[in-house]
C-alpha atoms as a PDB file:
ATOM      1  CA  ASN A   1      -3.975 128.813 242.817  1.00  0.00           C
ATOM      2  CA  GLY A   2      -5.127 125.332 241.928  1.00  0.00           C
ATOM      3  CA  PHE A   3      -3.944 123.151 239.074  1.00  0.00           C
ATOM      4  CA  GLY A   4      -5.635 122.914 235.714  1.00  0.00           C
ATOM      5  CA  GLY A   5      -4.937 126.013 233.635  1.00  0.00           C
ATOM      6  CA  LEU A   6      -7.711 128.293 234.864  1.00  0.00           C
ATOM      7  CA  GLY A   7      -5.980 130.979 236.905  1.00  0.00           C
ATOM      8  CA  LEU A   8      -2.544 132.540 236.486  1.00  0.00           C
ATOM      9  CA  ALA A   9      -1.882 133.760 232.942  1.00  0.00           C
ATOM     10  CA  HIS A  10       1.871 133.287 233.189  1.00  0.00           C
ATOM     11  CA  GLY A  11       2.435 131.172 236.252  1.00  0.00           C
ATOM     12  CA  ARG A  12       4.483 131.825 239.353  1.00  0.00           C
ATOM     13  CA  ILE A  13       7.587 133.638 238.100  1.00  0.00           C
ATOM     14  CA  LEU A  14       7.691 135.876 235.003  1.00  0.00           C
ATOM     15  CA  VAL A  15      10.576 137.919 233.602  1.00  0.00           C
ATOM     16  CA  TRP A  16       9.591 140.207 230.708  1.00  0.00           C
ATOM     17  CA  ARG A  17      12.380 142.007 228.826  1.00  0.00           C
ATOM     18  CA  GLY A  18      15.792 142.720 230.295  1.00  0.00           C
ATOM     19  CA  ARG A  19      19.481 141.857 230.012  1.00  0.00           C
ATOM     20  CA  ASN A  20      22.003 139.973 232.139  1.00  0.00           C
ATOM     21  CA  VAL A  21      19.291 138.174 234.093  1.00  0.00           C
ATOM     22  CA  THR A  22      20.052 135.284 236.455  1.00  0.00           C
ATOM     23  CA  LEU A  23      17.440 133.017 238.016  1.00  0.00           C
ATOM     24  CA  ALA A  24      19.225 130.647 240.375  1.00  0.00           C
ATOM     25  CA  GLY A  25      17.987 128.276 243.062  1.00  0.00           C
ATOM     26  CA  LEU A  26      14.312 129.217 242.739  1.00  0.00           C
ATOM     27  CA  THR A  27      11.408 126.895 243.510  1.00  0.00           C
ATOM     28  CA  SER A  28       8.068 127.144 241.721  1.00  0.00           C
ATOM     29  CA  LYS A  29       5.285 124.834 242.825  1.00  0.00           C
ATOM     30  CA  SER A  30       1.617 124.402 241.826  1.00  0.00           C
ATOM     31  CA  ALA A  31       1.530 127.084 239.120  1.00  0.00           C
ATOM     32  CA  ASP A  32      -1.806 127.213 237.345  1.00  0.00           C
ATOM     33  CA  ALA A  33      -0.017 127.757 233.997  1.00  0.00           C
ATOM     34  CA  ASP A  34       3.772 128.156 233.465  1.00  0.00           C
ATOM     35  CA  GLY A  35       6.052 127.633 236.444  1.00  0.00           C
ATOM     36  CA  ILE A  36       8.906 129.952 235.392  1.00  0.00           C
ATOM     37  CA  ALA A  37       8.558 132.044 232.216  1.00  0.00           C
ATOM     38  CA  ILE A  38      11.003 134.472 230.610  1.00  0.00           C
ATOM     39  CA  ALA A  39      10.377 136.384 227.377  1.00  0.00           C
ATOM     40  CA  ARG A  40      12.302 138.883 225.239  1.00  0.00           C
ATOM     41  CA  VAL A  41      15.387 138.617 227.428  1.00  0.00           C
ATOM     42  CA  GLU A  42      19.049 138.740 226.386  1.00  0.00           C
ATOM     43  CA  ASP A  43      22.015 137.064 228.117  1.00  0.00           C
ATOM     44  CA  ALA A  44      20.142 135.146 230.790  1.00  0.00           C
ATOM     45  CA  LEU A  45      20.912 132.130 232.987  1.00  0.00           C
ATOM     46  CA  VAL A  46      18.307 129.837 234.554  1.00  0.00           C
ATOM     47  CA  THR A  47      20.049 127.340 236.808  1.00  0.00           C
ATOM     48  CA  ASN A  48      19.477 125.054 239.794  1.00  0.00           C
ATOM     49  CA  CYS A  49      15.761 125.816 239.890  1.00  0.00           C
ATOM     50  CA  ARG A  50      13.064 123.326 240.815  1.00  0.00           C
ATOM     51  CA  VAL A  51       9.673 123.482 239.101  1.00  0.00           C
ATOM     52  CA  GLU A  52       6.955 121.119 240.256  1.00  0.00           C
ATOM     53  CA  LEU A  53       3.244 120.824 239.452  1.00  0.00           C
ATOM     54  CA  ALA A  54       3.060 123.421 236.686  1.00  0.00           C
ATOM     55  CA  SER A  55      -0.083 122.840 234.650  1.00  0.00           C
ATOM     56  CA  LYS A  56       1.249 124.185 231.322  1.00  0.00           C
ATOM     57  CA  ALA A  57       5.011 124.570 230.668  1.00  0.00           C
ATOM     58  CA  ALA A  58       7.110 124.072 233.767  1.00  0.00           C
ATOM     59  CA  LEU A  59       9.915 126.237 232.394  1.00  0.00           C
ATOM     60  CA  TYR A  60       9.205 128.490 229.376  1.00  0.00           C
ATOM     61  CA  VAL A  61      11.645 130.638 227.368  1.00  0.00           C
ATOM     62  CA  ASN A  62      10.207 132.723 224.514  1.00  0.00           C
ATOM     63  CA  HIS A  63      11.709 135.034 221.892  1.00  0.00           C
ATOM     64  CA  SER A  64      14.996 135.510 223.753  1.00  0.00           C
ATOM     65  CA  GLU A  65      18.697 135.482 222.841  1.00  0.00           C
ATOM     66  CA  ARG A  66      21.737 133.868 224.444  1.00  0.00           C
ATOM     67  CA  VAL A  67      19.880 132.131 227.258  1.00  0.00           C
ATOM     68  CA  THR A  68      21.334 129.166 229.145  1.00  0.00           C
ATOM     69  CA  VAL A  69      18.940 126.767 230.895  1.00  0.00           C
ATOM     70  CA  ARG A  70      21.168 124.443 232.910  1.00  0.00           C
ATOM     71  CA  GLY A  71      20.939 122.016 235.817  1.00  0.00           C
ATOM     72  CA  ASN A  72      17.240 122.475 236.633  1.00  0.00           C
ATOM     73  CA  LEU A  73      14.784 119.880 237.935  1.00  0.00           C
ATOM     74  CA  VAL A  74      11.340 119.776 236.333  1.00  0.00           C
ATOM     75  CA  THR A  75       8.841 117.229 237.601  1.00  0.00           C
ATOM     76  CA  ARG A  76       5.131 116.352 237.767  1.00  0.00           C
ATOM     77  CA  PHE A  77       4.114 118.859 235.097  1.00  0.00           C
ATOM     78  CA  GLY A  78       1.217 119.058 232.623  1.00  0.00           C
ATOM     79  CA  GLY A  79      -2.533 118.795 232.851  1.00  0.00           C
ATOM     80  CA  HIS A  80      -3.445 122.084 231.181  1.00  0.00           C
ATOM     81  CA  ARG A  81      -6.610 122.016 229.062  1.00  0.00           C
ATOM     82  CA  THR A  82      -6.689 123.886 225.756  1.00  0.00           C
ATOM     83  CA  SER A  83      -9.824 125.676 224.542  1.00  0.00           C
ATOM     84  CA  GLY A  84     -10.615 122.531 222.558  1.00  0.00           C
ATOM     85  CA  GLY A  85     -10.326 120.377 225.647  1.00  0.00           C
ATOM     86  CA  ALA A  86      -7.005 118.686 224.780  1.00  0.00           C
ATOM     87  CA  LEU A  87      -4.739 117.802 227.684  1.00  0.00           C
ATOM     88  CA  VAL A  88      -1.251 119.295 227.196  1.00  0.00           C
ATOM     89  CA  GLY A  89       1.948 119.971 229.078  1.00  0.00           C
ATOM     90  CA  VAL A  90       5.661 120.622 228.536  1.00  0.00           C
ATOM     91  CA  GLY A  91       8.636 120.232 230.837  1.00  0.00           C
ATOM     92  CA  ILE A  92      10.823 122.867 229.134  1.00  0.00           C
ATOM     93  CA  GLN A  93       9.370 124.900 226.235  1.00  0.00           C
ATOM     94  CA  LEU A  94      11.773 126.858 224.020  1.00  0.00           C
ATOM     95  CA  SER A  95       9.901 129.021 221.496  1.00  0.00           C
ATOM     96  CA  GLY A  96      11.520 131.329 218.945  1.00  0.00           C
ATOM     97  CA  ASN A  97      14.887 131.713 220.681  1.00  0.00           C
ATOM     98  CA  ARG A  98      18.346 132.335 219.207  1.00  0.00           C
ATOM     99  CA  ASP A  99      21.625 130.869 220.482  1.00  0.00           C
ATOM    100  CA  LEU A 100      20.013 129.155 223.461  1.00  0.00           C
ATOM    101  CA  VAL A 101      21.609 126.274 225.397  1.00  0.00           C
ATOM    102  CA  CYS A 102      19.431 123.775 227.276  1.00  0.00           C
ATOM    103  CA  ALA A 103      21.791 121.452 229.138  1.00  0.00           C
ATOM    104  CA  SER A 104      21.998 118.966 232.007  1.00  0.00           C
ATOM    105  CA  ASN A 105      18.404 119.335 233.155  1.00  0.00           C
ATOM    106  CA  VAL A 106      16.292 116.529 234.637  1.00  0.00           C
ATOM    107  CA  ILE A 107      12.727 116.344 233.305  1.00  0.00           C
ATOM    108  CA  ALA A 108      10.558 113.582 234.745  1.00  0.00           C
ATOM    109  CA  ASP A 109       7.062 112.331 235.535  1.00  0.00           C
ATOM    110  CA  GLY A 110       4.976 114.643 233.374  1.00  0.00           C
ATOM    111  CA  THR A 111       2.134 114.865 230.875  1.00  0.00           C
ATOM    112  CA  GLY A 112       2.959 115.865 227.301  1.00  0.00           C
ATOM    113  CA  ILE A 113       6.490 116.606 226.042  1.00  0.00           C
ATOM    114  CA  GLY A 114       9.811 116.665 227.851  1.00  0.00           C
ATOM    115  CA  ILE A 115      11.517 119.427 225.829  1.00  0.00           C
ATOM    116  CA  LEU A 116       9.738 121.338 223.046  1.00  0.00           C
ATOM    117  CA  CYS A 117      11.742 123.551 220.663  1.00  0.00           C
ATOM    118  CA  ASN A 118       9.453 125.371 218.252  1.00  0.00           C
ATOM    119  CA  ALA A 119       8.276 128.518 216.517  1.00  0.00           C
ATOM    120  CA  LEU A 120       4.888 129.740 217.576  1.00  0.00           C
ATOM    121  CA  VAL A 121       2.404 130.367 214.765  1.00  0.00           C
ATOM    122  CA  GLY A 122       3.363 133.742 213.299  1.00  0.00           C
ATOM    123  CA  GLY A 123       6.389 133.976 215.611  1.00  0.00           C
ATOM    124  CA  ALA A 124      10.122 134.063 215.004  1.00  0.00           C
ATOM    125  CA  PRO A 125      11.841 130.755 214.205  1.00  0.00           C
ATOM    126  CA  PRO A 126      14.394 129.314 216.628  1.00  0.00           C
ATOM    127  CA  PHE A 127      17.980 129.426 215.422  1.00  0.00           C
ATOM    128  CA  GLY A 128      21.235 127.957 216.666  1.00  0.00           C
ATOM    129  CA  ASN A 129      19.804 126.280 219.761  1.00  0.00           C
ATOM    130  CA  VAL A 130      21.632 123.398 221.486  1.00  0.00           C
ATOM    131  CA  ILE A 131      19.787 120.762 223.558  1.00  0.00           C
ATOM    132  CA  THR A 132      22.380 118.560 225.232  1.00  0.00           C
ATOM    133  CA  ASP A 133      23.004 116.137 228.093  1.00  0.00           C
ATOM    134  CA  ASN A 134      19.484 116.287 229.531  1.00  0.00           C
ATOM    135  CA  ARG A 135      17.894 113.307 231.318  1.00  0.00           C
ATOM    136  CA  ILE A 136      14.237 112.870 230.381  1.00  0.00           C
ATOM    137  CA  HIS A 137      12.035 110.006 231.570  1.00  0.00           C
ATOM    138  CA  ASP A 138       8.507 108.841 232.343  1.00  0.00           C
ATOM    139  CA  ILE A 139       6.530 111.359 230.289  1.00  0.00           C
ATOM    140  CA  GLU A 140       3.321 110.550 228.419  1.00  0.00           C
ATOM    141  CA  ASN A 141       0.065 112.064 227.218  1.00  0.00           C
ATOM    142  CA  PRO A 142      -2.540 109.316 226.735  1.00  0.00           C
ATOM    143  CA  GLY A 143      -5.089 111.892 225.583  1.00  0.00           C
ATOM    144  CA  LEU A 144      -2.866 113.229 222.781  1.00  0.00           C
ATOM    145  CA  MET A 145      -0.402 110.513 221.835  1.00  0.00           C
ATOM    146  CA  SER A 146       0.552 112.211 218.549  1.00  0.00           C
ATOM    147  CA  SER A 147       2.447 114.931 220.417  1.00  0.00           C
ATOM    148  CA  SER A 148       3.843 112.858 223.270  1.00  0.00           C
ATOM    149  CA  ALA A 149       7.665 112.795 223.102  1.00  0.00           C
ATOM    150  CA  GLY A 150      10.885 113.098 225.041  1.00  0.00           C
ATOM    151  CA  ILE A 151      12.185 115.877 222.760  1.00  0.00           C
ATOM    152  CA  ARG A 152      10.017 117.432 220.056  1.00  0.00           C
ATOM    153  CA  LEU A 153      11.322 119.833 217.407  1.00  0.00           C
ATOM    154  CA  ALA A 154       8.280 121.077 215.508  1.00  0.00           C
ATOM    155  CA  ASN A 155       7.666 124.556 214.138  1.00  0.00           C
ATOM    156  CA  GLY A 156       4.350 126.296 213.659  1.00  0.00           C
ATOM    157  CA  ALA A 157       5.344 127.183 210.082  1.00  0.00           C
ATOM    158  CA  ALA A 158       6.898 124.777 207.615  1.00  0.00           C
ATOM    159  CA  GLN A 159      10.527 124.479 206.548  1.00  0.00           C
ATOM    160  CA  LYS A 160      12.404 126.841 208.800  1.00  0.00           C
ATOM    161  CA  PHE A 161      16.197 126.760 208.795  1.00  0.00           C
ATOM    162  CA  THR A 162      17.074 126.390 212.477  1.00  0.00           C
ATOM    163  CA  GLN A 163      20.391 124.498 212.777  1.00  0.00           C
ATOM    164  CA  THR A 164      19.203 122.952 216.042  1.00  0.00           C
ATOM    165  CA  VAL A 165      21.580 120.497 217.737  1.00  0.00           C
ATOM    166  CA  VAL A 166      20.182 117.660 219.896  1.00  0.00           C
ATOM    167  CA  ARG A 167      23.123 115.776 221.358  1.00  0.00           C
ATOM    168  CA  GLY A 168      23.908 113.388 224.211  1.00  0.00           C
ATOM    169  CA  ASN A 169      20.467 113.271 225.835  1.00  0.00           C
ATOM    170  CA  SER A 170      19.134 110.254 227.751  1.00  0.00           C
ATOM    171  CA  ILE A 171      15.460 109.581 227.042  1.00  0.00           C
ATOM    172  CA  ARG A 172      13.375 106.743 228.511  1.00  0.00           C
ATOM    173  CA  ASP A 173       9.639 105.939 228.604  1.00  0.00           C
ATOM    174  CA  CYS A 174       8.474 109.152 226.946  1.00  0.00           C
ATOM    175  CA  GLY A 175       5.296 108.197 225.146  1.00  0.00           C
ATOM    176  CA  SER A 176       5.098 107.795 221.388  1.00  0.00           C
ATOM    177  CA  PHE A 177       8.488 109.175 220.350  1.00  0.00           C
ATOM    178  CA  GLY A 178      11.920 109.486 221.876  1.00  0.00           C
ATOM    179  CA  ILE A 179      12.754 112.360 219.504  1.00  0.00           C
ATOM    180  CA  TYR A 180      10.322 113.894 216.997  1.00  0.00           C
ATOM    181  CA  LEU A 181      12.007 116.047 214.348  1.00  0.00           C
ATOM    182  CA  GLU A 182       9.990 118.229 211.944  1.00  0.00           C
ATOM    183  CA  ASN A 183      10.520 121.544 210.102  1.00  0.00           C
ATOM    184  CA  HIS A 184      13.948 122.159 211.639  1.00  0.00           C
ATOM    185  CA  ASP A 185      16.137 122.239 208.525  1.00  0.00           C
ATOM    186  CA  GLY A 186      19.877 121.856 208.949  1.00  0.00           C
ATOM    187  CA  SER A 187      19.605 120.168 212.344  1.00  0.00           C
ATOM    188  CA  ILE A 188      21.807 117.487 213.917  1.00  0.00           C
ATOM    189  CA  VAL A 189      20.550 114.692 216.192  1.00  0.00           C
ATOM    190  CA  ALA A 190      23.571 112.801 217.507  1.00  0.00           C
ATOM    191  CA  GLY A 191      24.726 110.605 220.351  1.00  0.00           C
ATOM    192  CA  ASN A 192      21.392 110.306 222.145  1.00  0.00           C
ATOM    193  CA  SER A 193      20.322 107.220 224.119  1.00  0.00           C
ATOM    194  CA  ILE A 194      16.617 106.404 223.699  1.00  0.00           C
ATOM    195  CA  SER A 195      14.670 103.462 225.111  1.00  0.00           C
ATOM    196  CA  GLU A 196      11.097 102.223 225.572  1.00  0.00           C
ATOM    197  CA  SER A 197       9.383 104.464 222.990  1.00  0.00           C
ATOM    198  CA  GLU A 198       5.825 103.319 222.280  1.00  0.00           C
ATOM    199  CA  ARG A 199       6.064 104.074 218.545  1.00  0.00           C
ATOM    200  CA  ASN A 200       9.343 105.399 217.055  1.00  0.00           C
ATOM    201  CA  GLY A 201      12.633 105.949 218.803  1.00  0.00           C
ATOM    202  CA  ILE A 202      13.304 108.781 216.330  1.00  0.00           C
ATOM    203  CA  LEU A 203      10.744 110.070 213.807  1.00  0.00           C
ATOM    204  CA  VAL A 204      11.974 112.437 211.069  1.00  0.00           C
ATOM    205  CA  SER A 205       9.284 114.317 209.125  1.00  0.00           C
ATOM    206  CA  SER A 206       9.197 117.236 206.656  1.00  0.00           C
ATOM    207  CA  ILE A 207      12.781 118.393 207.009  1.00  0.00           C
ATOM    208  CA  ARG A 208      15.752 119.146 204.782  1.00  0.00           C
ATOM    209  CA  ASP A 209      19.504 118.687 205.188  1.00  0.00           C
ATOM    210  CA  ALA A 210      19.463 117.080 208.636  1.00  0.00           C
ATOM    211  CA  VAL A 211      21.892 114.539 210.121  1.00  0.00           C
ATOM    212  CA  VAL A 212      20.874 111.709 212.470  1.00  0.00           C
ATOM    213  CA  LYS A 213      23.933 109.773 213.668  1.00  0.00           C
ATOM    214  CA  ASP A 214      25.495 107.779 216.501  1.00  0.00           C
ATOM    215  CA  ASN A 215      22.256 107.352 218.444  1.00  0.00           C
ATOM    216  CA  VAL A 216      21.415 104.240 220.479  1.00  0.00           C
ATOM    217  CA  LEU A 217      17.785 103.094 220.237  1.00  0.00           C
ATOM    218  CA  TRP A 218      16.492 100.263 222.433  1.00  0.00           C
ATOM    219  CA  ASN A 219      13.010  98.749 222.493  1.00  0.00           C
ATOM    220  CA  SER A 220      11.212 101.109 220.125  1.00  0.00           C
ATOM    221  CA  GLY A 221       7.600 100.197 219.363  1.00  0.00           C
ATOM    222  CA  THR A 222       6.618  98.784 222.739  1.00  0.00           C
ATOM    223  CA  SER A 223       2.928  99.602 222.154  1.00  0.00           C
ATOM    224  CA  GLY A 224       2.786  96.925 219.463  1.00  0.00           C
ATOM    225  CA  VAL A 225       1.471  99.288 216.750  1.00  0.00           C
ATOM    226  CA  THR A 226       2.426  97.734 213.407  1.00  0.00           C
ATOM    227  CA  ASN A 227       4.162  99.202 210.338  1.00  0.00           C
ATOM    228  CA  LEU A 228       6.498 101.370 212.402  1.00  0.00           C
ATOM    229  CA  TYR A 229      10.282 101.341 212.791  1.00  0.00           C
ATOM    230  CA  ALA A 230      12.801 102.337 215.426  1.00  0.00           C
ATOM    231  CA  LEU A 231      14.093 105.144 213.196  1.00  0.00           C
ATOM    232  CA  GLN A 232      11.677 106.290 210.513  1.00  0.00           C
ATOM    233  CA  LEU A 233      11.575 108.990 207.822  1.00  0.00           C
ATOM    234  CA  ILE A 234       8.170 110.185 206.592  1.00  0.00           C
ATOM    235  CA  ASN A 235       6.483 112.938 204.552  1.00  0.00           C
ATOM    236  CA  ASP A 236       8.917 115.412 202.944  1.00  0.00           C
ATOM    237  CA  ALA A 237      12.161 114.370 204.644  1.00  0.00           C
ATOM    238  CA  THR A 238      14.780 115.387 202.055  1.00  0.00           C
ATOM    239  CA  ARG A 239      18.567 115.050 201.963  1.00  0.00           C
ATOM    240  CA  VAL A 240      18.638 113.527 205.437  1.00  0.00           C
ATOM    241  CA  ARG A 241      21.768 111.563 206.347  1.00  0.00           C
ATOM    242  CA  ILE A 242      21.273 108.577 208.664  1.00  0.00           C
ATOM    243  CA  ARG A 243      24.451 106.843 209.801  1.00  0.00           C
ATOM    244  CA  ASP A 244      26.021 104.749 212.544  1.00  0.00           C
ATOM    245  CA  ASN A 245      22.952 104.383 214.742  1.00  0.00           C
ATOM    246  CA  ALA A 246      22.783 101.312 216.996  1.00  0.00           C
ATOM    247  CA  ILE A 247      19.286  99.805 217.128  1.00  0.00           C
ATOM    248  CA  GLY A 248      18.211  96.788 219.118  1.00  0.00           C
ATOM    249  CA  ARG A 249      15.768  95.057 221.418  1.00  0.00           C
ATOM    250  CA  LEU A 250      16.634  93.933 224.909  1.00  0.00           C
ATOM    251  CA  ASP A 251      15.423  90.574 226.181  1.00  0.00           C
ATOM    252  CA  GLU A 252      13.194  92.330 228.698  1.00  0.00           C
ATOM    253  CA  ALA A 253      11.406  94.385 226.009  1.00  0.00           C
ATOM    254  CA  ALA A 254       7.824  95.136 226.985  1.00  0.00           C
ATOM    255  CA  SER A 255       6.526  93.820 223.679  1.00  0.00           C
ATOM    256  CA  ALA A 256       7.645  91.154 221.237  1.00  0.00           C
ATOM    257  CA  ASN A 257       6.854  93.726 218.532  1.00  0.00           C
ATOM    258  CA  ALA A 258       9.666  96.084 219.629  1.00  0.00           C
ATOM    259  CA  PHE A 259      11.246  97.388 216.440  1.00  0.00           C
ATOM    260  CA  SER A 260      14.893  97.120 215.401  1.00  0.00           C
ATOM    261  CA  ALA A 261      15.080  98.708 211.947  1.00  0.00           C
ATOM    262  CA  THR A 262      15.435 101.958 210.004  1.00  0.00           C
ATOM    263  CA  TYR A 263      12.968 102.790 207.231  1.00  0.00           C
ATOM    264  CA  ASP A 264      12.749 105.605 204.690  1.00  0.00           C
ATOM    265  CA  GLY A 265       9.055 106.181 203.976  1.00  0.00           C
ATOM    266  CA  SER A 266       9.458 109.764 202.782  1.00  0.00           C
ATOM    267  CA  ARG A 267       7.841 110.941 199.557  1.00  0.00           C
ATOM    268  CA  THR A 268      10.833 112.863 198.246  1.00  0.00           C
ATOM    269  CA  GLY A 269      13.852 110.570 198.481  1.00  0.00           C
ATOM    270  CA  GLY A 270      17.407 111.850 198.258  1.00  0.00           C
ATOM    271  CA  ASN A 271      18.129 110.527 201.736  1.00  0.00           C
ATOM    272  CA  GLU A 272      21.192 108.506 202.681  1.00  0.00           C
ATOM    273  CA  ILE A 273      21.157 105.632 205.162  1.00  0.00           C
ATOM    274  CA  ILE A 274      24.661 104.444 205.993  1.00  0.00           C
ATOM    275  CA  GLY A 275      25.989 101.759 208.255  1.00  0.00           C
ATOM    276  CA  ARG A 276      22.948 100.664 210.220  1.00  0.00           C
ATOM    277  CA  ARG A 277      24.023  98.580 213.195  1.00  0.00           C
ATOM    278  CA  THR A 278      21.579  96.400 215.110  1.00  0.00           C
ATOM    279  CA  VAL A 279      21.718  93.548 217.601  1.00  0.00           C
ATOM    280  CA  GLY A 280      20.244  90.081 217.118  1.00  0.00           C
ATOM    281  CA  ASP A 281      20.859  86.377 217.590  1.00  0.00           C
ATOM    282  CA  ALA A 282      20.875  85.531 213.868  1.00  0.00           C
ATOM    283  CA  PRO A 283      21.008  87.169 210.426  1.00  0.00           C
ATOM    284  CA  PRO A 284      17.702  88.916 209.539  1.00  0.00           C
ATOM    285  CA  ARG A 285      15.021  86.793 207.925  1.00  0.00           C
ATOM    286  CA  ASN A 286      12.729  89.616 206.777  1.00  0.00           C
ATOM    287  CA  GLY A 287      12.684  93.340 206.069  1.00  0.00           C
ATOM    288  CA  ARG A 288      14.757  95.322 203.610  1.00  0.00           C
ATOM    289  CA  TRP A 289      18.484  95.560 204.324  1.00  0.00           C
ATOM    290  CA  LEU A 290      21.269  97.443 202.580  1.00  0.00           C
ATOM    291  CA  ARG A 291      24.755  96.286 201.676  1.00  0.00           C
ATOM    292  CA  GLY A 292      27.193  97.082 204.483  1.00  0.00           C
ATOM    293  CA  GLU A 293      24.677  96.990 207.323  1.00  0.00           C
ATOM    294  CA  VAL A 294      25.653  94.946 210.385  1.00  0.00           C
ATOM    295  CA  VAL A 295      23.866  92.824 212.991  1.00  0.00           C
ATOM    296  CA  LEU A 296      25.954  92.223 216.129  1.00  0.00           C
ATOM    297  CA  ASN A 297      25.567  88.837 217.840  1.00  0.00           C
ATOM    298  CA  SER A 298      23.540  89.238 221.034  1.00  0.00           C
ATOM    299  CA  GLU A 299      24.416  85.636 222.048  1.00  0.00           C
ATOM    300  CA  LEU A 300      28.165  86.060 221.718  1.00  0.00           C
ATOM    301  CA  GLY A 301      30.146  83.500 223.669  1.00  0.00           C
ATOM    302  CA  ALA A 302      33.539  81.824 223.504  1.00  0.00           C
ATOM    303  CA  THR A 303      32.695  80.571 220.027  1.00  0.00           C
ATOM    304  CA  GLY A 304      30.486  81.738 217.197  1.00  0.00           C
ATOM    305  CA  PRO A 305      30.496  84.838 214.991  1.00  0.00           C
ATOM    306  CA  LEU A 306      30.825  88.414 216.257  1.00  0.00           C
ATOM    307  CA  GLY A 307      27.863  89.216 214.053  1.00  0.00           C
ATOM    308  CA  TRP A 308      26.762  89.326 210.404  1.00  0.00           C
ATOM    309  CA  ILE A 309      27.229  91.826 207.571  1.00  0.00           C
ATOM    310  CA  CYS A 310      24.924  92.318 204.582  1.00  0.00           C
ATOM    311  CA  THR A 311      26.919  91.723 201.399  1.00  0.00           C
ATOM    312  CA  SER A 312      24.043  92.265 198.936  1.00  0.00           C
ATOM    313  CA  SER A 313      20.988  94.490 199.437  1.00  0.00           C
ATOM    314  CA  GLY A 314      17.537  92.929 199.402  1.00  0.00           C
ATOM    315  CA  ARG A 315      14.734  91.405 201.451  1.00  0.00           C
ATOM    316  CA  PRO A 316      16.404  90.287 203.647  1.00  0.00           C
ATOM    317  CA  GLY A 317      19.577  90.472 201.532  1.00  0.00           C
ATOM    318  CA  VAL A 318      22.623  88.200 201.581  1.00  0.00           C
ATOM    319  CA  TRP A 319      24.470  87.902 204.895  1.00  0.00           C
ATOM    320  CA  ARG A 320      27.991  86.783 205.858  1.00  0.00           C
ATOM    321  CA  ALA A 321      29.286  85.956 209.327  1.00  0.00           C
ATOM    322  CA  ILE A 322      31.912  88.241 210.870  1.00  0.00           C
ATOM    323  CA  GLY A 323      34.883  86.812 212.758  1.00  0.00           C
ATOM    324  CA  GLU A 324      33.679  83.211 212.926  1.00  0.00           C
END
């Protein structure tokens, strides 16, 4: 059926309405839209499937309840053209679902977004979804960099209370953002490992009462775009708690401009940044730092300090060696 978004309306495999549905061990290849799509289904399992060369969403779940998407392989997806000519694609798209679990999938070598959790315009909001332990790598959309991401939480309508959990995912080389978080109030982003993001490792925008903690961010900002940070808050991010994230730059970073800082650029304030931990070979010489933040010594040897702690906030603040 070709490849480019011109033929099949819903791809190779479509399940519409039903209960207690299991899709196991299926292969979908060269779908001229979605590879596997299920909609308005309750109590479903999609497992051990392989979806390759889907031009739109490789695996799509819409307006369903209690669905588990586990242990699937999604690869070489994307390339669908919208009516406006934009090039789009999604590895796993989760739209308007309740109590869904997306776990232990491999999403690789695609155009667009690895995992998208959203509400369609005019559709039901997602609620109580868990995205965990997925491995996502080598995904990009050069024609639409603003939406290119490993995991993107972004609703079609503003400020929806979703309580989405994004935990324990491994994300590498996924375009502009490792994780993009917007309009998913009450969400938790925790324990993810993110590396080689061209702009931000994690970008938090227009959200309330979210928690971002215990993530590891390496080599954010490899494109060299200035005025960006590894973990950044923008727009109407409100009452967001940022704590215990490890941010650093490896020696083999693709760009000397790789970022190693957290920055609150939101318009509303009321956010809390606690205990930033980074890695470096000396105390910071620029940027704004808060009391209690720590830089671990990347050149640690038999002698020398374990790192440095900020004892007085400022630019760059006052620093004291740890364990020297």
